[in-house]
Protein backbone atom coordinates (compact mmCIF):
# COMPACT_ATOMS: atom_id res chain seq x y z
CA MET A 1 -20.20 2.24 11.76
CA LYS A 2 -20.27 3.70 8.52
CA LYS A 3 -21.06 7.28 6.67
CA LEU A 4 -24.60 7.77 5.47
CA VAL A 5 -25.80 10.75 3.50
CA VAL A 6 -29.43 11.66 3.04
CA VAL A 7 -28.88 11.84 -0.66
CA ILE A 8 -29.98 9.89 -3.63
CA LEU A 9 -28.28 9.73 -7.02
CA LEU A 10 -30.12 10.03 -10.30
CA VAL A 11 -29.19 7.17 -12.58
CA THR A 12 -31.07 4.02 -13.50
CA LEU A 13 -29.91 1.28 -15.81
CA GLY A 14 -31.08 -2.25 -16.51
CA PHE A 15 -29.62 -5.66 -15.77
CA SER A 16 -26.71 -7.10 -17.74
CA SER A 17 -26.74 -10.37 -19.55
CA VAL A 18 -26.06 -12.36 -16.37
CA ALA A 19 -28.77 -14.99 -16.09
CA LEU A 20 -31.03 -14.67 -13.06
CA ALA A 21 -32.26 -17.74 -11.20
CA GLU A 22 -35.87 -18.55 -10.43
CA GLN A 23 -35.82 -17.26 -6.85
CA THR A 24 -34.45 -13.76 -7.42
CA PHE A 25 -34.73 -11.06 -4.80
CA ARG A 26 -34.18 -7.49 -6.02
CA TYR A 27 -33.09 -4.98 -3.40
CA GLY A 28 -33.39 -1.41 -4.69
CA LEU A 29 -30.65 1.08 -3.86
CA THR A 30 -30.86 4.76 -4.72
CA VAL A 31 -27.16 5.32 -3.98
CA ASN A 32 -24.55 3.45 -5.93
CA PRO A 33 -22.03 1.33 -3.98
CA ARG A 34 -18.49 2.62 -4.29
CA GLY A 35 -17.07 -0.86 -4.84
CA MET A 36 -14.95 -1.34 -1.71
CA PHE A 37 -16.25 -4.80 -0.86
CA ASN A 38 -13.80 -5.44 1.93
CA PRO A 39 -15.18 -5.71 5.48
CA ILE A 40 -12.22 -3.97 7.15
CA LEU A 41 -11.75 -1.19 4.58
CA TYR A 42 -15.22 0.00 3.51
CA THR A 43 -16.57 3.32 4.80
CA GLU A 44 -19.99 3.60 3.11
CA ARG A 45 -23.09 1.68 4.12
CA TYR A 46 -23.97 0.92 0.49
CA ASP A 47 -20.86 -1.24 0.14
CA ASN A 48 -21.80 -2.95 3.39
CA PHE A 49 -25.10 -4.14 1.91
CA ILE A 50 -23.00 -6.43 -0.28
CA ILE A 51 -20.30 -7.18 2.31
CA SER A 52 -22.86 -8.43 4.84
CA GLN A 53 -24.02 -11.11 2.37
CA VAL A 54 -20.64 -12.17 0.98
CA TYR A 55 -18.84 -12.49 4.32
CA ASP A 56 -19.60 -13.96 7.72
CA GLY A 57 -18.15 -12.66 10.97
CA LEU A 58 -17.51 -14.43 14.23
CA ILE A 59 -20.93 -13.14 15.30
CA TYR A 60 -23.90 -11.39 13.76
CA ILE A 61 -26.42 -8.97 15.27
CA ASP A 62 -30.01 -10.14 15.30
CA ALA A 63 -33.20 -8.10 14.95
CA GLN A 64 -33.27 -7.55 18.73
CA LEU A 65 -29.76 -6.03 18.54
CA GLN A 66 -28.19 -8.99 20.35
CA PRO A 67 -24.96 -10.78 19.28
CA GLN A 68 -25.52 -14.30 17.97
CA PRO A 69 -23.05 -17.03 16.93
CA ARG A 70 -21.98 -17.32 13.30
CA VAL A 71 -18.45 -18.43 12.42
CA ALA A 72 -17.96 -18.80 16.16
CA LYS A 73 -20.28 -21.47 17.52
CA SER A 74 -19.73 -20.20 21.07
CA TRP A 75 -17.57 -17.95 23.21
CA GLU A 76 -16.57 -17.37 26.81
CA ILE A 77 -15.80 -14.07 28.51
CA SER A 78 -13.36 -14.27 31.42
CA GLU A 79 -14.49 -13.28 34.91
CA ASP A 80 -12.21 -10.24 34.87
CA GLN A 81 -13.83 -9.12 31.58
CA LEU A 82 -10.40 -8.98 29.90
CA SER A 83 -10.60 -11.82 27.40
CA ILE A 84 -13.01 -13.46 24.97
CA THR A 85 -12.34 -16.96 23.68
CA PHE A 86 -14.16 -17.93 20.48
CA HIS A 87 -14.73 -21.54 19.43
CA LEU A 88 -15.20 -21.82 15.66
CA HIS A 89 -17.34 -24.23 13.71
CA GLU A 90 -15.30 -26.85 11.90
CA GLY A 91 -15.81 -27.17 8.17
CA ILE A 92 -16.80 -23.61 7.22
CA LYS A 93 -15.37 -22.90 3.78
CA PHE A 94 -14.62 -19.80 1.79
CA HIS A 95 -16.27 -19.54 -1.61
CA ASP A 96 -13.15 -21.01 -3.26
CA GLY A 97 -13.40 -24.17 -1.14
CA VAL A 98 -10.61 -23.44 1.36
CA GLU A 99 -11.54 -24.00 4.99
CA LEU A 100 -11.86 -21.02 7.32
CA THR A 101 -9.78 -21.41 10.48
CA ALA A 102 -8.58 -19.38 13.46
CA GLU A 103 -5.60 -18.29 11.36
CA ASP A 104 -7.98 -16.39 9.05
CA VAL A 105 -9.60 -14.71 12.05
CA ALA A 106 -6.20 -13.71 13.41
CA PHE A 107 -5.14 -12.42 9.99
CA THR A 108 -8.28 -10.27 9.72
CA TYR A 109 -7.82 -8.53 13.05
CA LYS A 110 -4.02 -8.27 12.90
CA THR A 111 -4.42 -6.53 9.56
CA ILE A 112 -6.58 -3.88 11.24
CA LEU A 113 -3.77 -3.33 13.76
CA HIS A 114 -0.93 -3.39 11.21
CA PRO A 115 1.29 -0.28 10.93
CA GLU A 116 0.44 0.05 7.21
CA TYR A 117 -3.32 -0.45 7.57
CA THR A 118 -5.15 2.32 5.68
CA GLY A 119 -8.64 1.81 7.09
CA VAL A 120 -10.39 3.46 10.02
CA ARG A 121 -11.09 0.57 12.40
CA TYR A 122 -7.86 0.48 14.40
CA GLY A 123 -9.55 2.39 17.24
CA ASN A 124 -12.00 -0.49 17.80
CA PHE A 125 -9.19 -2.92 18.66
CA LYS A 126 -6.28 -0.87 19.96
CA VAL A 127 -7.22 -2.01 23.49
CA LEU A 128 -5.94 -5.52 22.70
CA VAL A 129 -2.78 -6.35 24.57
CA GLY A 130 0.23 -5.29 22.51
CA ALA A 131 -1.84 -3.58 19.81
CA GLU A 132 -0.26 -0.15 20.20
CA ASP A 133 3.30 -1.51 20.09
CA TYR A 134 2.43 -3.56 17.01
CA LYS A 135 0.84 -0.55 15.35
CA ALA A 136 3.95 1.50 16.08
CA GLY A 137 6.15 -1.17 14.49
CA ASN A 138 7.91 -2.00 17.76
CA THR A 139 6.86 -5.66 17.82
CA ALA A 140 6.23 -8.38 15.27
CA ASP A 141 3.09 -9.80 16.88
CA VAL A 142 0.04 -8.98 19.00
CA PRO A 143 -0.02 -10.96 22.28
CA GLY A 144 -3.69 -10.04 22.68
CA ILE A 145 -4.57 -12.19 19.66
CA GLU A 146 -3.80 -15.83 20.45
CA VAL A 147 -4.54 -18.72 18.10
CA VAL A 148 -5.12 -21.52 20.62
CA ASP A 149 -5.69 -24.18 17.99
CA LYS A 150 -7.14 -24.49 14.49
CA TYR A 151 -10.67 -23.68 15.68
CA THR A 152 -10.08 -21.61 18.82
CA ILE A 153 -8.90 -18.01 19.15
CA LYS A 154 -8.54 -15.81 22.20
CA PHE A 155 -8.58 -12.00 22.35
CA THR A 156 -7.27 -10.25 25.46
CA THR A 157 -7.54 -6.57 26.35
CA ALA A 158 -5.43 -4.51 28.71
CA GLU A 159 -8.56 -3.26 30.46
CA PRO A 160 -12.31 -4.01 30.27
CA TYR A 161 -13.76 -2.87 26.95
CA ALA A 162 -17.55 -2.89 26.74
CA PRO A 163 -18.02 -2.76 22.94
CA LEU A 164 -15.56 -5.57 22.18
CA LEU A 165 -17.97 -8.48 21.66
CA VAL A 166 -20.20 -6.71 19.13
CA ALA A 167 -17.09 -5.45 17.32
CA PHE A 168 -16.38 -9.00 16.16
CA ASN A 169 -19.08 -8.91 13.49
CA TYR A 170 -16.60 -7.88 10.77
CA GLY A 171 -16.43 -10.41 7.96
CA ILE A 172 -13.49 -12.83 8.07
CA LEU A 173 -10.98 -12.38 5.26
CA PRO A 174 -9.32 -15.34 3.45
CA SER A 175 -5.67 -15.14 4.53
CA HIS A 176 -4.56 -17.55 1.79
CA LEU A 177 -5.60 -15.00 -0.83
CA LEU A 178 -4.39 -11.82 0.87
CA LYS A 179 -1.41 -12.57 3.12
CA GLU A 180 1.12 -11.96 0.34
CA ILE A 181 -0.27 -8.49 -0.44
CA PRO A 182 1.44 -5.72 1.57
CA VAL A 183 -1.11 -4.30 3.99
CA GLY A 184 -0.45 -0.78 2.74
CA GLU A 185 -1.47 -1.91 -0.77
CA LEU A 186 -4.54 -3.89 0.25
CA GLU A 187 -6.88 -0.96 -0.39
CA LYS A 188 -5.99 -1.11 -4.11
CA ALA A 189 -6.15 -4.89 -4.45
CA PRO A 190 -8.42 -6.34 -7.20
CA PHE A 191 -9.85 -8.58 -4.48
CA ASN A 192 -11.96 -5.69 -3.20
CA LEU A 193 -13.96 -5.68 -6.45
CA ASN A 194 -14.10 -9.48 -6.62
CA PRO A 195 -14.58 -10.47 -2.98
CA ILE A 196 -14.42 -14.02 -1.66
CA GLY A 197 -15.86 -14.66 1.77
CA SER A 198 -17.61 -17.50 3.56
CA GLY A 199 -21.07 -15.93 3.59
CA PRO A 200 -24.43 -17.07 2.20
CA PHE A 201 -23.98 -15.39 -1.19
CA LYS A 202 -21.14 -15.38 -3.71
CA PHE A 203 -20.13 -12.30 -5.63
CA VAL A 204 -20.93 -12.37 -9.37
CA GLU A 205 -20.87 -8.88 -10.85
CA PHE A 206 -20.72 -5.18 -10.08
CA LEU A 207 -21.67 -2.70 -12.79
CA THR A 208 -21.39 0.89 -11.63
CA ASP A 209 -24.73 2.75 -11.70
CA GLN A 210 -26.51 -0.50 -12.58
CA HIS A 211 -26.38 -3.33 -10.06
CA VAL A 212 -24.49 -5.80 -7.93
CA ILE A 213 -25.41 -9.45 -8.50
CA LEU A 214 -24.82 -12.20 -5.94
CA THR A 215 -25.66 -15.87 -6.22
CA ALA A 216 -26.51 -18.32 -3.46
CA ASN A 217 -23.63 -20.20 -1.88
CA THR A 218 -24.90 -23.76 -2.37
CA ASP A 219 -22.22 -25.05 0.01
CA TYR A 220 -23.00 -22.52 2.73
CA PHE A 221 -22.20 -24.08 6.11
CA PHE A 222 -25.51 -22.99 7.63
CA GLY A 223 -27.62 -24.15 4.70
CA LYS A 224 -28.25 -22.80 1.21
CA PRO A 225 -30.33 -19.59 1.21
CA ASN A 226 -33.87 -19.84 -0.11
CA ILE A 227 -33.02 -17.04 -2.54
CA ASP A 228 -30.99 -18.19 -5.56
CA THR A 229 -29.97 -14.75 -6.77
CA LEU A 230 -29.72 -11.50 -4.86
CA VAL A 231 -29.61 -8.32 -6.94
CA PHE A 232 -28.87 -4.89 -5.51
CA GLN A 233 -30.47 -2.77 -8.22
CA LYS A 234 -29.64 0.90 -8.73
CA VAL A 235 -32.83 2.95 -9.02
CA ALA A 236 -33.00 6.65 -9.75
CA GLU A 237 -34.86 8.59 -7.07
CA ASP A 238 -37.50 9.84 -9.47
CA ALA A 239 -38.11 6.30 -10.69
CA VAL A 240 -38.69 4.69 -7.27
CA PRO A 241 -42.53 4.64 -7.43
CA ILE A 242 -42.41 3.30 -11.00
CA TYR A 243 -40.02 0.47 -10.10
CA LEU A 244 -42.26 -0.53 -7.21
CA GLN A 245 -45.47 -0.22 -9.16
CA GLN A 246 -44.03 -2.43 -11.91
CA ASN A 247 -42.64 -4.93 -9.35
CA ARG A 248 -39.12 -4.40 -10.66
CA VAL A 249 -37.72 -4.46 -7.12
CA ASP A 250 -38.86 -6.42 -4.08
CA PHE A 251 -37.62 -4.07 -1.37
CA MET A 252 -36.64 -0.42 -1.14
CA LEU A 253 -36.07 2.19 1.47
CA ILE A 254 -38.18 5.12 0.31
CA SER A 255 -38.13 8.82 1.07
CA PRO A 256 -41.11 10.58 2.69
CA GLU A 257 -42.01 12.30 -0.56
CA HIS A 258 -42.79 8.91 -2.13
CA TYR A 259 -44.74 7.56 0.84
CA PRO A 260 -48.26 8.60 -0.31
CA GLN A 261 -47.83 7.02 -3.73
CA VAL A 262 -46.04 3.87 -2.58
CA SER A 263 -48.30 3.22 0.43
CA ALA A 264 -51.24 3.01 -1.98
CA LEU A 265 -49.70 0.04 -3.84
CA ASP A 266 -51.54 -3.18 -3.01
CA ALA A 267 -48.52 -5.34 -3.77
CA PHE A 268 -46.33 -3.86 -1.00
CA ASP A 269 -46.30 -3.71 2.76
CA ILE A 270 -44.89 -0.55 4.34
CA TYR A 271 -42.62 -0.70 7.38
CA VAL A 272 -41.99 2.49 9.37
CA TYR A 273 -39.45 2.29 12.20
CA GLU A 274 -36.98 4.38 14.15
CA ALA A 275 -33.43 3.68 13.07
CA LEU A 276 -30.02 3.86 14.72
CA ALA A 277 -29.14 6.85 12.58
CA TYR A 278 -29.17 10.64 12.56
CA ASN A 279 -28.43 13.50 10.18
CA TYR A 280 -26.52 16.66 10.82
CA ILE A 281 -24.76 19.79 9.57
CA ALA A 282 -21.09 19.78 10.58
CA PHE A 283 -18.90 22.80 11.26
CA ASN A 284 -15.21 22.87 10.40
CA LEU A 285 -13.94 23.86 13.84
CA ARG A 286 -10.44 24.38 12.48
CA GLN A 287 -11.70 27.72 11.18
CA PRO A 288 -11.58 30.55 13.77
CA ARG A 289 -15.06 31.88 12.94
CA PHE A 290 -16.64 28.55 13.97
CA GLN A 291 -14.60 28.13 17.15
CA ASP A 292 -16.93 30.47 19.06
CA VAL A 293 -19.63 28.26 20.58
CA GLN A 294 -21.97 31.26 20.70
CA VAL A 295 -21.89 31.46 16.89
CA ARG A 296 -22.67 27.75 16.56
CA GLN A 297 -25.50 27.94 19.07
CA ALA A 298 -26.93 31.05 17.41
CA MET A 299 -27.04 29.25 14.06
CA ALA A 300 -28.87 26.34 15.71
CA TYR A 301 -31.45 28.71 17.21
CA GLY A 302 -31.76 30.41 13.84
CA PHE A 303 -32.50 27.24 11.84
CA ASP A 304 -36.13 26.09 11.75
CA ARG A 305 -35.49 22.36 12.10
CA ALA A 306 -39.10 21.65 13.06
CA THR A 307 -40.21 22.89 9.64
CA TYR A 308 -37.62 20.64 8.03
CA VAL A 309 -38.94 17.56 9.86
CA ASP A 310 -42.66 18.35 9.90
CA ILE A 311 -43.07 19.95 6.46
CA ILE A 312 -40.18 18.92 4.22
CA ARG A 313 -40.00 15.37 5.64
CA ASP A 314 -43.76 15.10 6.22
CA GLY A 315 -43.15 14.20 9.85
CA PHE A 316 -40.91 11.21 9.06
CA GLY A 317 -38.17 12.06 11.53
CA ILE A 318 -37.60 13.27 15.07
CA VAL A 319 -35.84 16.60 15.65
CA ALA A 320 -32.42 15.71 17.03
CA ASN A 321 -30.37 17.57 19.61
CA ALA A 322 -27.56 15.14 20.42
CA PRO A 323 -25.72 12.28 18.68
CA MET A 324 -27.58 9.38 20.31
CA PRO A 325 -30.76 8.21 18.52
CA GLN A 326 -33.86 7.48 20.55
CA ALA A 327 -33.70 3.89 19.30
CA SER A 328 -30.50 3.38 21.33
CA TRP A 329 -30.60 2.28 24.97
CA ALA A 330 -28.03 5.01 25.70
CA TYR A 331 -30.30 7.88 24.58
CA SER A 332 -30.91 10.55 27.23
CA SER A 333 -32.93 13.76 27.21
CA VAL A 334 -31.71 14.93 30.65
CA GLY A 335 -30.14 18.36 30.48
CA ILE A 336 -30.53 18.57 26.71
CA ASN A 337 -31.27 21.99 25.16
CA THR A 338 -33.78 21.64 22.34
CA TYR A 339 -32.70 24.84 20.53
CA GLU A 340 -36.24 25.78 19.58
CA TYR A 341 -36.39 28.10 16.56
CA ASN A 342 -35.79 31.64 17.81
CA PRO A 343 -34.23 33.98 15.22
CA GLU A 344 -34.36 37.02 17.49
CA LEU A 345 -32.38 35.22 20.18
CA ALA A 346 -29.94 34.09 17.48
CA LYS A 347 -29.42 37.65 16.27
CA GLY A 348 -28.78 38.84 19.81
CA MET A 349 -26.21 36.09 20.40
CA LEU A 350 -24.37 36.94 17.19
CA LYS A 351 -24.29 40.62 18.13
CA GLU A 352 -22.97 39.73 21.58
CA ALA A 353 -20.26 37.66 19.88
CA GLY A 354 -19.14 40.79 18.00
CA TRP A 355 -20.78 40.24 14.62
CA ILE A 356 -22.28 43.48 13.26
CA LEU A 357 -24.48 43.83 10.18
CA GLY A 358 -22.61 45.51 7.31
CA LYS A 359 -23.94 47.68 4.50
CA ASP A 360 -24.32 44.58 2.32
CA LYS A 361 -26.61 43.02 4.99
CA VAL A 362 -23.95 40.44 5.87
CA LEU A 363 -22.53 40.17 9.39
CA GLN A 364 -18.93 41.28 9.78
CA LYS A 365 -16.27 41.10 12.48
CA ASP A 366 -12.69 42.31 12.32
CA GLY A 367 -12.99 42.80 8.58
CA GLU A 368 -14.31 39.27 7.92
CA ARG A 369 -17.79 38.60 6.53
CA LEU A 370 -19.79 35.72 8.00
CA GLU A 371 -20.01 33.95 4.65
CA PHE A 372 -19.24 30.31 3.93
CA ASP A 373 -19.78 27.41 1.53
CA PHE A 374 -22.24 24.70 2.54
CA LEU A 375 -21.30 21.34 1.00
CA VAL A 376 -24.45 19.38 0.12
CA PRO A 377 -24.35 15.92 -1.54
CA ASP A 378 -26.88 16.18 -4.35
CA GLY A 379 -29.67 14.01 -5.64
CA SER A 380 -32.24 14.14 -2.84
CA ARG A 381 -34.94 16.77 -3.01
CA LEU A 382 -35.38 16.53 0.77
CA THR A 383 -31.73 17.34 1.35
CA GLU A 384 -31.80 20.10 -1.25
CA GLN A 385 -34.93 21.63 0.33
CA MET A 386 -33.30 21.41 3.76
CA ALA A 387 -30.25 23.24 2.40
CA LEU A 388 -32.41 25.94 0.82
CA LEU A 389 -34.31 26.42 4.08
CA PHE A 390 -31.01 26.66 5.96
CA GLN A 391 -29.69 29.19 3.45
CA GLN A 392 -32.84 31.35 3.84
CA ASN A 393 -32.85 31.10 7.65
CA MET A 394 -29.19 32.10 7.80
CA GLU A 395 -29.79 35.01 5.42
CA ASP A 396 -32.45 36.23 7.87
CA LEU A 397 -29.68 36.37 10.49
CA GLY A 398 -27.24 38.18 8.22
CA ILE A 399 -25.20 35.08 7.35
CA LYS A 400 -24.44 34.41 3.68
CA VAL A 401 -24.50 30.71 2.72
CA ASN A 402 -23.25 29.54 -0.67
CA LEU A 403 -24.68 26.13 -1.52
CA LEU A 404 -22.21 23.73 -3.12
CA PHE A 405 -23.96 20.62 -4.51
CA LEU A 406 -21.70 17.67 -5.29
CA GLU A 407 -22.08 13.97 -6.10
CA PHE A 408 -21.89 11.85 -2.95
CA SER A 409 -18.43 10.32 -3.41
CA ALA A 410 -16.96 13.69 -4.40
CA ALA A 411 -18.48 15.25 -1.28
CA VAL A 412 -17.02 12.48 0.91
CA ASP A 413 -13.59 13.05 -0.63
CA LEU A 414 -13.70 16.75 0.29
CA VAL A 415 -14.83 15.97 3.82
CA ASP A 416 -12.07 13.39 4.24
CA ALA A 417 -9.56 15.98 3.02
CA ARG A 418 -11.04 18.51 5.53
CA GLU A 419 -11.70 20.88 2.63
CA PHE A 420 -15.06 22.25 3.74
CA ASP A 421 -16.69 25.04 5.73
CA LEU A 422 -19.95 23.24 6.56
CA PHE A 423 -21.36 20.00 5.17
CA THR A 424 -24.41 17.82 5.71
CA MET A 425 -24.40 14.04 5.97
CA GLY A 426 -25.58 11.42 8.39
CA TRP A 427 -24.45 8.50 10.50
CA SER A 428 -25.78 4.96 10.50
CA LEU A 429 -24.62 3.61 13.84
CA SER A 430 -23.53 0.35 15.39
CA VAL A 431 -25.81 -1.43 17.85
CA ASP A 432 -23.32 -0.60 20.58
CA PRO A 433 -23.65 3.11 21.39
CA ASP A 434 -19.88 3.69 21.69
CA PRO A 435 -19.33 7.02 19.85
CA TYR A 436 -15.53 7.05 20.25
CA GLY A 437 -14.78 6.54 16.54
CA ILE A 438 -16.68 9.69 15.57
CA TRP A 439 -16.15 12.02 18.51
CA HIS A 440 -12.84 11.38 20.27
CA SER A 441 -10.26 14.05 19.46
CA GLN A 442 -8.04 11.34 17.90
CA ALA A 443 -10.84 9.51 16.09
CA PRO A 444 -10.56 9.02 12.31
CA TRP A 445 -14.14 10.16 11.68
CA ASN A 446 -13.94 13.29 13.81
CA ASP A 447 -14.66 15.41 10.73
CA PRO A 448 -15.33 18.73 12.54
CA GLY A 449 -12.00 18.54 14.40
CA PHE A 450 -13.76 18.60 17.78
CA VAL A 451 -11.35 18.63 20.74
CA HIS A 452 -12.70 18.58 24.29
CA ALA A 453 -10.86 17.05 27.26
CA ARG A 454 -13.93 16.03 29.28
CA SER A 455 -15.59 14.58 26.19
CA ASP A 456 -12.51 12.43 25.53
CA GLU A 457 -12.46 11.34 29.17
CA LEU A 458 -16.10 10.28 29.09
CA LEU A 459 -15.69 8.43 25.79
CA GLU A 460 -12.80 6.47 27.27
CA LEU A 461 -14.78 5.77 30.46
CA GLY A 462 -17.76 4.61 28.41
CA ARG A 463 -15.65 2.04 26.63
CA SER A 464 -14.16 0.61 29.81
CA GLU A 465 -17.40 0.47 31.84
CA THR A 466 -19.18 -2.89 31.47
CA ASP A 467 -22.14 -2.08 33.74
CA GLN A 468 -24.85 -0.79 31.37
CA THR A 469 -26.55 1.42 33.98
CA ARG A 470 -23.33 3.23 34.80
CA ARG A 471 -22.40 3.35 31.16
CA LYS A 472 -25.70 5.05 30.32
CA GLU A 473 -24.96 7.69 32.97
CA ILE A 474 -21.56 8.35 31.37
CA TYR A 475 -23.10 8.79 27.93
CA ALA A 476 -25.85 11.01 29.36
CA GLU A 477 -23.22 13.47 30.61
CA TRP A 478 -21.36 13.21 27.30
CA GLN A 479 -24.53 14.03 25.33
CA GLN A 480 -24.95 17.18 27.42
CA ILE A 481 -21.44 18.31 26.42
CA ILE A 482 -22.06 17.74 22.72
CA ASN A 483 -25.47 19.39 22.98
CA TYR A 484 -23.84 22.49 24.43
CA GLU A 485 -20.72 22.59 22.24
CA LEU A 486 -22.58 21.78 18.99
CA PRO A 487 -19.82 20.61 16.65
CA TYR A 488 -22.87 19.64 14.59
CA ILE A 489 -26.27 21.23 14.17
CA PHE A 490 -28.30 18.06 14.65
CA LEU A 491 -31.16 17.69 12.19
CA GLN A 492 -33.19 14.57 12.83
CA TYR A 493 -33.14 11.04 14.15
CA ASP A 494 -34.08 8.81 11.26
CA VAL A 495 -37.50 7.31 10.87
CA THR A 496 -37.05 4.78 8.10
CA ILE A 497 -39.68 3.78 5.56
CA GLY A 498 -39.31 0.43 3.83
CA ALA A 499 -41.51 -0.96 1.06
CA LEU A 500 -41.47 -4.78 0.91
CA SER A 501 -43.25 -6.91 -1.68
CA LYS A 502 -46.08 -9.02 -0.30
CA LYS A 503 -44.77 -12.00 -2.23
CA VAL A 504 -41.84 -12.08 0.19
CA GLN A 505 -42.51 -14.71 2.85
CA GLY A 506 -40.98 -15.37 6.27
CA ILE A 507 -40.39 -11.78 7.37
CA ASP A 508 -40.81 -10.56 10.93
CA THR A 509 -43.67 -8.08 10.70
CA ASN A 510 -42.45 -6.28 13.85
CA PRO A 511 -38.87 -5.35 12.95
CA GLY A 512 -36.53 -3.58 15.31
CA PRO A 513 -34.44 -0.54 14.38
CA LEU A 514 -32.40 -2.54 11.86
CA GLY A 515 -35.47 -3.14 9.71
CA PRO A 516 -37.26 -6.20 8.28
CA LEU A 517 -34.32 -7.57 6.28
CA GLN A 518 -31.65 -7.49 8.97
CA GLY A 519 -30.34 -10.24 11.20
CA ASP A 520 -30.86 -13.69 9.69
CA GLN A 521 -33.70 -12.74 7.34
CA LEU A 522 -31.99 -12.85 3.95
CA ILE A 523 -29.98 -15.93 4.82
CA ARG A 524 -32.42 -18.48 6.15
CA VAL A 525 -35.92 -17.10 6.30
CA LEU A 526 -36.76 -15.02 3.29
CA HIS A 527 -38.34 -16.67 0.26
CA LEU A 528 -40.71 -15.61 -2.48
CA ALA A 529 -44.25 -16.88 -2.97
CA ASP A 530 -45.09 -18.36 -6.35
């Protein structure tokens, strides 16, 4: 899973002098990739747009959210649910012509477990036998990763781990290019800006605030893509309707404010679908004023989220109350408080918590004013309007909110450094509902600093339970805890709008929550009409 912000940056530039082939597909992006094109180190979904085309994993996730073979032609799961054995295709080659083998797979996943690894994916694989000792530097190998032969690799866990199979969709790294680089220095390696994988497209060029250009891998093991050149084009938010009207991009995710104008374009089909994503406002629970659950709940009651979804977003969204989107099989509404807008109730709760209105009309307690900075990644009018509505609603309660607008990457840096009071962002989630990496007290993406013993227990149970019915029950109880504790004020479950050129052929017109271009679409199916 990776961080998503409901923000859009405001720069648009043209293509460079790189020649574009006849079959060129232009994918519009309103947020610039950061340039970390490494499948085990990236943290932003915009980098993953490129990664998913340059690299192949052992598996991929299809439009129905099911794992399908890719580098692995097949696999077996042991009867005790403790091991998965993958059998690789023979003859898959990296873009430099070197064959991909089980040694590359082992290198990729051992790097994630290495003591010097600087990424955030260790938690997905620490259940492998020997992983924790290896991470601690106590052993030189991981017994739970066994290279059986050149094209067979076996992964063994200490206990059943439900999300393990779908976790193996990370792109396989070329060990012959990276094994001499110290793992602690891998994050700064030039390779990350000039990636070499085994996927359907080869990396050509990345120009910040302009584009990323990929070209078809003519030697791709699964057959050359129909598209010769794939361009991820940066488009300023204000310019989105113009780019579409002038056919300068073939696909874009669009914001609700552009829907009326874009839906009227004859050259594009519009896809509207619920996504595995949600948006939120996060508290910094390390601060004493936010450690009182009554304060957090009062702020939720005092924020008119229905107006945000129905008016600001024109109904493109579903008011959220827990961190499990409705598009997920693990979603539950049982025992979930909807926190309907009720400013009078909110005021009463704040008073009960000891906050009294001062002469300056700001709530005070023990000499401290209830005033804080709200970090808002800039560029999206929808996000800015949400922040302004939040500021006004909080002022009505006697809470002073200072809006701090920052460019997306700068905002992420502050969040990662835990230098915030409140911030707003969003999550784009994995197909497996396991929320451990965001919500466990030891998780790397636990930005609010949420610590709750029963929550941790349920997250650990959810990972070890392989029966989906029981697992759903576990996550239903967990959602009730988060809904009560409110480390986030949940805003909305995403309803995504995609505009796709009608000249694009071979697309499933009934896409699932991953959208019309996910799964195998860009690799084998998609092509452009003359």
